[in-house]
Protein backbone atom coordinates (compact mmCIF):
# COMPACT_ATOMS: atom_id res chain seq x y z
CA MET A 1 -0.12 0.15 -0.06
CA LYS A 2 1.11 3.29 -0.78
CA ILE A 3 0.68 4.66 2.68
CA LEU A 4 3.02 2.20 4.39
CA ARG A 5 6.16 2.91 2.14
CA THR A 6 8.74 4.22 4.40
CA ALA A 7 11.85 4.91 2.40
CA GLN A 8 11.80 8.77 2.21
CA SER A 9 15.34 9.65 1.49
CA LEU A 10 15.76 8.56 -2.47
CA PHE A 11 14.14 11.74 -3.84
CA GLU A 12 16.25 14.24 -5.43
CA CYS A 13 14.27 16.97 -7.32
CA SER A 14 15.60 19.47 -9.40
CA ALA A 15 13.20 22.20 -10.00
CA ARG A 16 14.15 24.62 -12.62
CA ARG A 17 12.59 27.78 -14.03
CA THR A 18 13.37 27.76 -17.76
CA PRO A 19 12.44 30.35 -20.23
CA ARG A 20 9.86 29.60 -22.69
CA PRO A 21 10.61 29.90 -26.20
CA GLN A 22 9.14 33.09 -27.56
CA GLU A 23 6.76 31.70 -30.38
CA PRO A 24 3.29 32.79 -31.17
CA LEU A 25 0.43 30.73 -30.47
CA LYS A 26 -2.10 29.63 -32.78
CA SER A 27 -5.71 29.44 -31.24
CA THR A 28 -7.80 26.50 -32.24
CA THR A 29 -11.39 26.00 -32.29
CA ARG A 30 -13.08 25.18 -28.66
CA ARG A 31 -14.45 21.80 -29.11
CA LEU A 32 -18.07 21.08 -28.08
CA THR A 33 -18.86 18.20 -25.86
CA SER A 34 -18.26 15.17 -27.12
CA ASP A 35 -19.99 11.52 -26.60
CA SER A 36 -17.64 9.81 -25.04
CA PRO A 37 -14.66 -2.58 -18.30
CA SER A 38 -15.36 -24.00 2.66
CA PRO A 39 -12.49 -26.05 2.83
CA ARG A 40 -9.98 -25.97 5.79
CA GLY A 41 -6.53 -24.53 4.97
CA VAL A 42 -3.93 -21.78 5.96
CA VAL A 43 -5.94 -18.10 5.96
CA VAL A 44 -4.14 -15.33 4.11
CA VAL A 45 -5.38 -12.03 4.88
CA THR A 46 -4.00 -9.57 1.79
CA TRP A 47 -5.50 -6.24 2.62
CA LEU A 48 -7.23 -6.11 6.23
CA ALA A 49 -8.22 -2.17 5.07
CA LEU A 50 -10.53 -3.19 2.79
CA LEU A 51 -12.84 -4.66 5.28
CA ALA A 52 -14.49 -1.40 5.76
CA LEU A 53 -15.05 -1.08 2.12
CA THR A 54 -16.69 -4.87 1.65
CA CYS A 55 -19.69 -3.39 3.36
CA PRO A 56 -22.32 -1.89 1.26
CA PRO A 57 -24.25 1.29 2.29
CA ALA A 58 -26.63 0.63 4.95
CA SER A 59 -29.71 0.90 2.61
CA TRP A 60 -28.00 -1.74 0.41
CA ALA A 61 -27.27 -3.99 3.30
CA GLN A 62 -31.13 -4.27 4.48
CA THR A 63 -32.19 -4.50 0.70
CA PRO A 64 -32.41 -7.50 -1.13
CA PRO A 65 -31.08 -7.38 -4.94
CA THR A 66 -34.90 -6.79 -6.39
CA ALA A 67 -35.88 -4.91 -8.99
CA GLU A 68 -36.02 -1.96 -6.48
CA TRP A 69 -32.30 -1.97 -6.17
CA GLU A 70 -31.87 -0.21 -9.53
CA ASN A 71 -33.80 2.74 -8.62
CA ARG A 72 -32.35 2.87 -5.09
CA ILE A 73 -28.85 3.14 -6.17
CA LYS A 74 -29.66 6.11 -8.12
CA SER A 75 -31.13 7.87 -5.62
CA TYR A 76 -27.33 8.94 -3.81
CA THR A 77 -26.53 12.23 -4.58
CA GLU A 78 -22.54 11.47 -5.18
CA ALA A 79 -21.00 8.91 -7.43
CA LEU A 80 -19.78 5.70 -5.24
CA PRO A 81 -17.03 4.51 -7.67
CA ASN A 82 -15.39 1.49 -5.93
CA VAL A 83 -11.98 1.06 -7.94
CA ALA A 84 -10.71 -1.24 -5.14
CA ASN A 85 -10.07 -4.87 -5.86
CA ARG A 86 -12.70 -7.05 -4.47
CA CYS A 87 -10.47 -9.88 -4.30
CA HIS A 88 -8.61 -8.27 -1.38
CA ALA A 89 -9.24 -9.27 2.35
CA VAL A 90 -9.89 -12.84 1.49
CA ARG A 91 -9.36 -16.43 2.90
CA ALA A 92 -7.28 -18.23 -0.12
CA TYR A 93 -7.20 -21.63 -0.45
CA ILE A 94 -5.65 -24.14 -3.12
CA VAL A 95 -8.23 -27.02 -3.40
CA ASN A 96 -7.83 -30.34 -5.09
CA GLY A 97 -11.06 -32.15 -4.70
CA PRO A 98 -11.80 -32.54 -1.01
CA ALA A 99 -8.06 -31.73 -0.12
CA ALA A 100 -6.89 -28.04 0.26
CA ARG A 101 -3.00 -27.31 -0.14
CA PRO A 102 -1.47 -25.29 2.44
CA THR A 103 -1.32 -21.48 0.99
CA ALA A 104 2.20 -20.16 1.39
CA MET A 105 2.51 -16.69 0.23
CA SER A 106 4.00 -17.84 -2.83
CA ASP A 107 0.32 -19.58 -3.71
CA VAL A 108 -1.14 -16.20 -3.79
CA ALA A 109 0.76 -14.41 -6.08
CA ALA A 110 -1.99 -13.98 -8.09
CA LEU A 111 -3.22 -11.26 -5.73
CA ASP A 112 0.17 -9.32 -5.23
CA ASP A 113 -0.09 -6.81 -7.87
CA ASP A 114 3.02 -8.15 -9.67
CA LEU A 115 2.75 -9.68 -12.89
CA ALA A 116 6.29 -10.97 -12.95
CA SER A 117 4.92 -13.61 -10.27
CA ALA A 118 2.14 -16.14 -10.53
CA THR A 119 0.06 -18.99 -8.87
CA ILE A 120 0.74 -22.22 -10.50
CA LEU A 121 -2.57 -24.69 -10.34
CA GLN A 122 -1.79 -27.98 -11.59
CA GLY A 123 -4.12 -30.97 -12.41
CA ASN A 124 -7.33 -30.15 -11.01
CA GLU A 125 -6.40 -27.75 -8.53
CA THR A 126 -8.48 -24.55 -8.04
CA LEU A 127 -7.91 -21.06 -6.46
CA GLU A 128 -10.54 -20.32 -4.13
CA LEU A 129 -11.21 -17.02 -2.45
CA HIS A 130 -13.54 -16.70 0.20
CA PHE A 131 -14.52 -13.02 1.14
CA ILE A 132 -13.89 -11.67 4.70
CA GLY A 133 -17.10 -9.72 5.82
CA ALA A 134 -20.12 -8.92 3.95
CA PRO A 135 -20.69 -10.23 0.67
CA ARG A 136 -19.46 -8.02 -2.46
CA TRP A 137 -21.02 -6.80 -5.31
CA ILE A 138 -19.00 -7.77 -8.52
CA ASN A 139 -20.08 -7.25 -12.30
CA ARG A 140 -16.24 -7.18 -13.83
CA VAL A 141 -13.45 -9.82 -13.43
CA ASN A 142 -9.82 -9.20 -14.91
CA VAL A 143 -7.64 -12.25 -14.86
CA ALA A 144 -4.19 -12.23 -16.63
CA PHE A 145 -3.17 -15.92 -16.92
CA ALA A 146 -0.98 -18.50 -19.04
CA GLY A 147 -3.07 -21.23 -20.05
CA SER A 148 -5.41 -23.09 -22.77
CA SER A 149 -8.46 -21.72 -21.10
CA ALA A 150 -9.76 -20.71 -17.75
CA ALA A 151 -12.99 -20.23 -16.17
CA VAL A 152 -14.28 -18.08 -12.97
CA GLU A 153 -17.22 -18.81 -10.81
CA LEU A 154 -18.59 -16.82 -8.20
CA LEU A 155 -20.42 -18.00 -4.94
CA HIS A 156 -23.83 -16.78 -4.59
CA GLY A 157 -25.75 -16.17 -1.17
CA ASP A 158 -27.58 -19.61 -1.50
CA GLY A 159 -24.12 -21.54 -1.27
CA GLU A 160 -23.94 -22.28 -5.01
CA TRP A 161 -20.92 -21.54 -7.30
CA ARG A 162 -22.00 -20.34 -10.53
CA THR A 163 -19.86 -19.62 -13.90
CA PHE A 164 -19.42 -15.74 -14.44
CA ALA A 165 -16.79 -16.03 -17.04
CA GLU A 166 -14.89 -18.43 -19.54
CA TRP A 167 -12.01 -17.94 -21.91
CA ASP A 168 -11.02 -20.60 -24.26
CA GLY A 169 -8.40 -21.27 -26.64
CA VAL A 170 -6.01 -18.34 -25.36
CA PHE A 171 -2.57 -18.35 -23.69
CA GLU A 172 -0.97 -15.54 -21.98
CA THR A 173 -3.90 -12.84 -21.92
CA ASP A 174 -5.22 -10.14 -19.96
CA GLY A 175 -9.05 -11.68 -19.80
CA VAL A 176 -11.62 -8.93 -18.94
CA ALA A 177 -15.41 -10.36 -18.40
CA THR A 178 -18.43 -8.27 -17.60
CA GLY A 179 -21.89 -9.57 -16.49
CA SER A 180 -24.98 -9.18 -14.38
CA ALA A 181 -24.12 -7.49 -11.13
CA THR A 182 -23.66 -10.24 -8.27
CA ARG A 183 -23.59 -10.07 -4.51
CA ALA A 184 -20.86 -13.09 -4.07
CA THR A 185 -19.34 -14.44 -0.81
CA GLY A 186 -16.26 -15.93 -2.81
CA LEU A 187 -14.80 -16.24 -6.25
CA ARG A 188 -12.88 -19.17 -7.69
CA ILE A 189 -10.84 -19.83 -10.63
CA HIS A 190 -9.38 -22.79 -12.51
CA SER A 191 -8.46 -24.48 -15.98
CA GLY A 192 -11.33 -25.01 -18.14
CA LEU A 193 -9.58 -28.10 -19.50
CA VAL A 194 -9.29 -30.93 -16.72
CA GLY A 195 -5.38 -31.55 -16.11
CA ASP A 196 -4.16 -28.80 -17.75
CA GLU A 197 -1.75 -26.33 -15.86
CA LEU A 198 -2.87 -22.69 -15.52
CA ALA A 199 -0.39 -19.85 -14.30
CA LEU A 200 -2.37 -17.08 -12.62
CA PHE A 201 -0.41 -13.48 -12.97
CA GLU A 202 -3.31 -11.47 -11.29
CA VAL A 203 -6.92 -11.93 -10.58
CA ALA A 204 -8.99 -8.76 -9.73
CA ALA A 205 -12.61 -8.09 -9.56
CA PHE A 206 -14.48 -5.04 -9.51
CA PHE A 207 -17.86 -3.42 -9.32
CA ASP A 208 -18.62 -0.78 -11.98
CA GLN A 209 -21.69 1.55 -11.32
CA PRO A 210 -24.10 0.91 -14.01
CA GLY A 211 -25.47 3.30 -16.79
CA ASP A 212 -26.42 6.57 -16.12
CA PHE A 213 -25.28 6.29 -12.31
CA GLU A 214 -21.59 6.07 -13.53
CA ARG A 215 -21.96 8.83 -16.12
CA GLY A 216 -23.55 11.13 -13.20
CA ILE A 217 -26.35 11.87 -15.25
CA GLU A 218 -28.90 10.77 -12.64
CA ASN A 219 -27.14 12.62 -9.48
CA GLY A 220 -25.48 15.31 -11.00
CA ALA A 221 -22.06 13.87 -10.44
CA THR A 222 -19.13 15.42 -12.21
CA THR A 223 -17.77 13.38 -14.99
CA PHE A 224 -14.19 13.57 -16.20
CA GLN A 225 -12.58 12.34 -19.26
CA PHE A 226 -9.73 9.83 -19.83
CA PHE A 227 -7.94 9.64 -23.43
CA TYR A 228 -5.37 7.06 -24.28
CA GLU A 229 -3.54 5.50 -27.18
CA TRP A 230 -0.91 2.70 -27.16
CA VAL A 231 0.75 0.95 -30.36
CA GLY A 232 2.77 -2.52 -29.69
CA ASN A 233 2.67 -3.92 -33.08
CA TYR A 234 5.18 -1.93 -35.45
CA PRO A 235 5.66 -2.16 -39.11
CA GLY A 236 8.98 -2.97 -40.88
CA ARG A 237 12.08 -3.71 -38.57
CA THR A 238 10.85 -1.38 -35.63
CA ARG A 239 10.87 -3.16 -32.43
CA ASP A 240 7.27 -4.34 -31.07
CA LEU A 241 6.68 -3.31 -27.34
CA PRO A 242 4.02 -6.04 -26.21
CA ASN A 243 3.47 -4.24 -22.80
CA THR A 244 2.04 -0.98 -24.13
CA ARG A 245 -1.57 -2.32 -24.28
CA PRO A 246 -1.55 -3.66 -20.42
CA ASP A 247 0.31 -0.22 -19.95
CA ALA A 248 -2.27 2.21 -20.96
CA ARG A 249 -5.24 -0.33 -20.42
CA GLY A 250 -3.80 -0.72 -16.66
CA LEU A 251 -4.37 2.95 -15.95
CA ARG A 252 -7.70 3.06 -17.56
CA ASP A 253 -8.90 0.21 -15.13
CA GLN A 254 -7.55 1.98 -12.13
CA LEU A 255 -9.60 5.19 -12.71
CA PRO A 256 -13.01 5.65 -10.94
CA GLY A 257 -16.25 5.17 -12.53
CA THR A 258 -16.68 8.84 -12.49
CA TRP A 259 -14.14 9.11 -15.40
CA ASN A 260 -15.31 8.35 -18.81
CA LYS A 261 -12.62 6.59 -21.11
CA GLU A 262 -11.85 6.13 -24.43
CA GLY A 263 -8.92 4.63 -26.10
CA TYR A 264 -7.62 2.85 -29.47
CA GLY A 265 -4.29 0.65 -29.93
CA ASP A 266 -2.37 -0.41 -32.72
CA ALA A 267 -3.65 0.54 -36.13
CA ASP A 268 -6.49 2.56 -34.77
CA ALA A 269 -4.30 4.54 -32.91
CA TRP A 270 -4.16 7.69 -35.38
CA GLU A 271 -1.51 10.52 -35.20
CA THR A 272 -4.40 12.62 -36.31
CA ASP A 273 -5.99 12.12 -33.18
CA TRP A 274 -3.32 14.34 -31.45
CA LYS A 275 -2.57 16.85 -34.52
CA LEU A 276 -4.24 20.04 -34.74
CA GLU A 277 -7.20 20.50 -37.24
CA ALA A 278 -5.46 23.03 -39.13
CA GLN A 279 -2.85 20.70 -39.88
CA GLY A 280 -5.46 17.88 -41.03
CA GLY A 281 -6.18 16.20 -37.35
CA ARG A 282 -8.83 16.27 -34.92
CA ASN A 283 -6.85 17.02 -31.66
CA ASN A 284 -9.98 18.90 -29.99
CA ARG A 285 -12.24 15.66 -30.58
CA TYR A 286 -9.53 13.34 -29.09
CA ALA A 287 -6.29 14.15 -27.42
CA ASP A 288 -7.61 17.69 -26.12
CA SER A 289 -10.96 16.52 -25.41
CA ALA A 290 -9.94 14.59 -21.99
CA ASP A 291 -8.62 15.63 -18.83
CA LEU A 292 -6.00 13.04 -18.79
CA VAL A 293 -4.19 11.97 -21.95
CA TYR A 294 -2.11 9.01 -22.04
CA PHE A 295 0.31 7.32 -24.92
CA ALA A 296 2.02 4.29 -24.76
CA GLY A 297 4.42 3.53 -27.45
CA HIS A 298 7.82 4.38 -28.73
CA GLY A 299 9.36 7.62 -28.85
CA THR A 300 11.65 8.73 -31.58
CA ARG A 301 13.01 11.84 -33.66
CA ALA A 302 11.41 13.30 -36.81
CA ASN A 303 11.89 16.17 -38.94
CA ASP A 304 9.95 19.33 -37.69
CA PRO A 305 9.05 21.46 -40.81
CA VAL A 306 8.65 24.58 -38.31
CA ALA A 307 11.87 24.24 -36.26
CA GLY A 308 13.60 23.04 -39.48
CA ALA A 309 15.44 20.56 -37.47
CA ARG A 310 14.69 16.98 -36.17
CA ARG A 311 12.43 17.05 -32.67
CA THR A 312 11.24 14.28 -30.64
CA ALA A 313 8.36 12.80 -31.74
CA LEU A 314 5.48 10.26 -30.77
CA LEU A 315 5.71 7.15 -33.11
CA PHE A 316 2.78 5.56 -34.38
CA GLY A 317 2.03 2.36 -36.61
CA ASN A 318 -0.64 3.43 -38.94
CA GLN A 319 1.06 5.53 -41.76
CA ALA A 320 -2.11 5.89 -43.69
CA ARG A 321 -3.42 8.20 -41.10
CA ASN A 322 -1.32 11.18 -42.20
CA ASP A 323 1.97 10.19 -41.23
CA CYS A 324 3.63 7.96 -38.39
CA CYS A 325 5.23 10.81 -36.29
CA LEU A 326 3.69 13.52 -34.12
CA VAL A 327 6.22 16.44 -33.72
CA PRO A 328 5.91 19.24 -31.56
CA SER A 329 4.83 21.77 -34.39
CA GLU A 330 1.94 19.64 -35.28
CA VAL A 331 0.46 20.32 -31.91
CA ARG A 332 1.63 23.94 -31.29
CA ALA A 333 -0.68 25.80 -28.48
CA GLY A 334 -3.11 22.49 -28.97
CA PHE A 335 -2.92 20.78 -25.49
CA GLY A 336 -5.18 22.66 -22.78
CA ASP A 337 -6.87 25.07 -25.03
CA SER A 338 -10.16 22.84 -24.81
CA GLU A 339 -9.61 20.20 -22.01
CA ALA A 340 -6.63 18.76 -21.43
CA GLU A 341 -4.87 18.82 -18.06
CA TRP A 342 -2.06 16.38 -17.96
CA VAL A 343 -0.53 14.74 -21.10
CA CYS A 344 1.51 11.51 -20.53
CA PHE A 345 4.12 10.01 -22.89
CA SER A 346 5.17 6.68 -21.72
CA ALA A 347 7.87 6.54 -24.10
CA CYS A 348 11.50 6.99 -24.72
CA ARG A 349 13.58 10.44 -24.50
CA MET A 350 10.61 12.92 -25.13
CA PHE A 351 12.38 15.26 -23.44
CA ARG A 352 15.97 14.06 -23.88
CA ASP A 353 17.33 17.70 -23.76
CA ARG A 354 16.34 21.56 -23.24
CA THR A 355 15.74 22.06 -26.89
CA ASN A 356 13.05 19.41 -26.87
CA ARG A 357 11.56 20.38 -23.67
CA ASN A 358 11.15 23.82 -25.03
CA ALA A 359 9.66 22.37 -28.34
CA TRP A 360 6.86 20.42 -26.17
CA VAL A 361 6.15 23.25 -24.09
CA SER A 362 5.34 25.01 -27.30
CA SER A 363 2.40 22.73 -27.68
CA TRP A 364 0.52 24.12 -24.28
CA ASN A 365 -2.14 26.35 -24.23
CA GLY A 366 -3.62 26.00 -20.76
CA LEU A 367 -2.23 22.48 -19.88
CA HIS A 368 -1.04 21.86 -16.16
CA GLN A 369 1.53 19.55 -16.72
CA MET A 370 3.43 17.03 -19.32
CA LEU A 371 5.12 13.79 -18.30
CA GLY A 372 7.77 11.70 -19.67
CA PHE A 373 11.37 10.45 -19.61
CA GLN A 374 14.73 11.94 -20.39
CA THR A 375 16.44 8.70 -21.03
CA VAL A 376 15.19 5.52 -22.65
CA MET A 377 11.85 3.87 -20.90
CA SER A 378 11.56 0.37 -20.32
CA ASP A 379 8.50 -1.42 -22.10
CA VAL A 380 6.99 -2.30 -18.53
CA ARG A 381 3.22 -1.95 -17.64
CA PHE A 382 3.79 1.59 -16.09
CA GLY A 383 0.02 2.51 -16.35
CA ARG A 384 -1.47 0.38 -13.81
CA PRO A 385 0.56 1.24 -10.51
CA PHE A 386 0.31 4.88 -11.90
CA GLY A 387 -3.30 4.83 -11.70
CA ARG A 388 -3.10 3.00 -8.08
CA TYR A 389 -0.90 5.67 -6.88
CA LEU A 390 -3.33 8.32 -8.29
CA VAL A 391 -6.35 7.02 -6.63
CA ASP A 392 -7.46 6.77 -3.13
CA SER A 393 -8.75 3.06 -3.07
CA GLY A 394 -9.66 2.93 0.49
CA ILE A 395 -9.65 4.24 4.25
CA PHE A 396 -5.83 2.98 4.63
CA ASP A 397 -4.81 4.67 1.00
CA SER A 398 -3.98 8.16 0.23
CA PRO A 399 -3.84 9.56 -3.43
CA VAL A 400 -0.44 11.16 -4.55
CA THR A 401 -0.18 14.12 -6.79
CA VAL A 402 0.41 13.60 -10.53
CA ALA A 403 3.96 14.47 -10.87
CA GLN A 404 4.80 12.51 -7.84
CA SER A 405 3.02 9.40 -8.75
CA TRP A 406 5.02 9.57 -11.91
CA MET A 407 8.15 9.66 -10.45
CA ASP A 408 7.42 7.04 -7.69
CA VAL A 409 6.49 4.52 -10.51
CA ALA A 410 9.39 5.18 -12.41
CA GLU A 411 11.45 4.26 -9.42
CA LEU A 412 9.00 1.20 -8.73
CA THR A 413 9.43 -0.23 -12.44
CA HIS A 414 12.90 0.72 -13.62
CA GLY A 415 16.11 -0.20 -12.58
CA ALA A 416 18.87 2.56 -11.89
CA ASN A 417 19.56 5.53 -13.80
CA TYR A 418 16.54 6.15 -15.74
CA VAL A 419 15.22 9.50 -15.69
CA ALA A 420 11.74 10.56 -15.34
CA VAL A 421 10.39 14.29 -15.84
CA ALA A 422 7.67 16.42 -14.89
CA LEU A 423 7.32 19.78 -16.96
CA ALA A 424 4.49 22.18 -15.58
CA GLU A 425 3.17 25.65 -16.45
CA ASN A 426 4.11 26.84 -13.15
CA ALA A 427 5.24 25.47 -9.74
CA THR A 428 2.13 25.18 -7.96
CA MET A 429 1.18 22.47 -10.52
CA TRP A 430 3.60 20.08 -8.52
CA ASN A 431 0.31 19.81 -5.79
CA ASP A 432 -2.05 18.90 -8.78
CA PHE A 433 -4.04 15.52 -7.65
CA ILE A 434 -6.24 14.34 -10.68
CA HIS A 435 -9.82 15.57 -10.53
CA GLY A 436 -11.93 13.78 -7.72
CA GLN A 437 -8.80 13.06 -5.65
CA GLY A 438 -6.89 14.68 -2.73
CA ALA A 439 -7.16 18.21 -2.92
CA GLY A 440 -7.78 18.11 -6.71
CA ALA A 441 -6.21 20.25 -9.48
CA GLN A 442 -4.86 23.59 -9.16
CA ALA A 443 -6.72 26.24 -11.00
CA ASP A 444 -5.93 26.33 -14.94
CA PRO A 445 -2.67 28.31 -15.29
CA ALA A 446 -1.83 31.64 -16.96
CA VAL A 447 -0.22 30.97 -19.93
CA ASP A 448 3.27 33.03 -19.87
CA ASN A 449 6.66 32.61 -21.26
CA VAL A 450 8.18 30.28 -18.60
CA TYR A 451 7.82 26.84 -17.29
CA ASN A 452 9.04 24.65 -14.41
CA TRP A 453 10.11 21.41 -14.69
CA TRP A 454 11.49 18.41 -12.33
CA SER A 455 13.74 15.36 -12.90
CA TYR A 456 14.24 12.06 -11.01
CA ARG A 457 16.74 9.61 -11.40
CA THR A 458 16.02 6.17 -10.28
CA THR A 459 18.02 3.90 -8.19
CA ALA A 460 18.11 0.30 -8.08
CA ALA A 461 16.45 0.10 -4.86
CA THR A 462 12.79 0.03 -6.13
CA ALA A 463 11.83 1.63 -3.10
CA ALA A 464 9.27 4.74 -2.49
CA VAL A 465 10.20 8.12 -3.58
CA SER A 466 9.83 11.08 -1.22
CA GLU A 467 8.81 14.42 -2.20
CA PRO A 468 9.37 18.08 -1.90
CA VAL A 469 5.82 18.58 -0.50
CA THR A 470 3.94 17.06 2.11
CA ARG A 471 2.02 13.93 1.11
CA PRO A 472 -1.11 12.85 3.23
CA ARG A 473 -0.19 9.94 5.38
CA LEU A 474 -1.69 8.39 8.72
CA THR A 475 -0.08 9.97 11.80
CA ASN A 476 0.64 8.17 14.88
CA PRO A 477 0.10 4.65 13.13
CA ARG A 478 -0.39 1.54 15.23
CA THR A 479 0.20 -1.76 13.95
CA ILE A 480 -2.58 -4.75 13.99
CA LEU A 481 -1.95 -8.33 13.34
CA PRO A 482 -5.59 -10.29 13.84
CA GLU A 483 -4.95 -12.80 16.47
CA SER A 484 -7.23 -15.47 14.78
CA GLU A 485 -5.86 -15.36 11.37
CA ALA A 486 -2.46 -14.95 9.85
CA GLY A 487 -2.17 -11.73 8.48
CA VAL A 488 -0.07 -8.80 7.13
CA PRO A 489 0.41 -5.71 9.52
CA ILE A 490 -1.73 -2.87 8.83
CA ALA A 491 -1.21 0.84 9.99
CA VAL A 492 -4.08 2.21 11.48
CA SER A 493 -4.41 5.78 12.94
CA ASP A 494 -5.43 6.36 16.32
CA ASP A 495 -8.51 8.38 15.18
CA LEU A 496 -9.50 5.62 13.12
CA LEU A 497 -9.35 3.27 15.97
CA ASP A 498 -11.22 5.29 18.58
């Protein structure tokens, strides 16, 4: 959990106030609002903090899931997104018929938020997760696995296991299944073929608020926009990037239900989605129509006709859509005049030097921050932990500011000597949280001729990064270890205990 990270001395922030190049800004047309997934065994408590979240509001707890429930859920005055993994706070078992294999921590690697580790189910084994506390609403299950097939079942209140999702004829995939809202007391997963081995890298379950409630139409809740594109399959001899898809989608899946999400990948990711209308693009409809914008793919260099020199660029795979590279002049003054607050480049060397930082700053017209790397960036699944840092997922968690989250995750996912960079219109933008989290975003900045930037060089410690501003954290924490069950120590503040 972010709140328990203790290494606080690794961060060296270089804040610089750099003159912005004096170049005329082109105004672009302001967009219209656009239309925008019980056997015996050893007990493992993966996150005791989620006990409170597993209990629904009082009116739900006393109301059976009848037709009245749909109307009742819309009566709330605020959106109630729950992005927390419903598979946390469980008793976990490896079951083979009537027998249960003891579950060492390595056996629940599918719950550790680390795609590099896996729970291996052999033969007829099943991973069973029995929820601690109240039953939990579930309508989406995500499974990253390797195997010829997989099946997910939910344990209903009548004690019956019923199939929720099945995947056949696939291998090493991120399976996402949605279904009818179910109030379940457990979840289990096994191979769809008897005797086959199944490797479970991650298992997660969520409840996405339905229909109008999620979009805030019924209750007037604010809706925010996320736009993302990823390119993993490149033509010719350009190296493919297999992790860009789960990178971008991982961030998508961590954002609350109050965010509308739109994204495209590979051949459907177009350079014109980012380019100015005056240059043949649709920037106002796509990249600048969202609050948070994310690209996962190659960074490269290409000729910038305005600069008359090569500049860093985003590399797309579909060259039939205008061209393959987005250079800074093609989006000059195009970020922020409509909607964008934060633009993230999960790509190599976009801010490799001062010249290229200045070039990309010329694309701002009200943007709060632009994030990327000065060095190469590894092909890693950056988006998911980035989203986890950005979002408060429970009472024992606190959101982290946008720039700090970027640098924390750079440290978490990379080895030594990679340099993550955050550019901002002014110094107060360092304190930006994404909408709906923490203190929220700062007021839209005035566009002037200077900008700030921070850089962080990673270590090999993969430890938490401290920050130059105070991050919300528990005060006077107390450690609790459940007496009746094997558990993970949890820090609880005194005011919560009292």
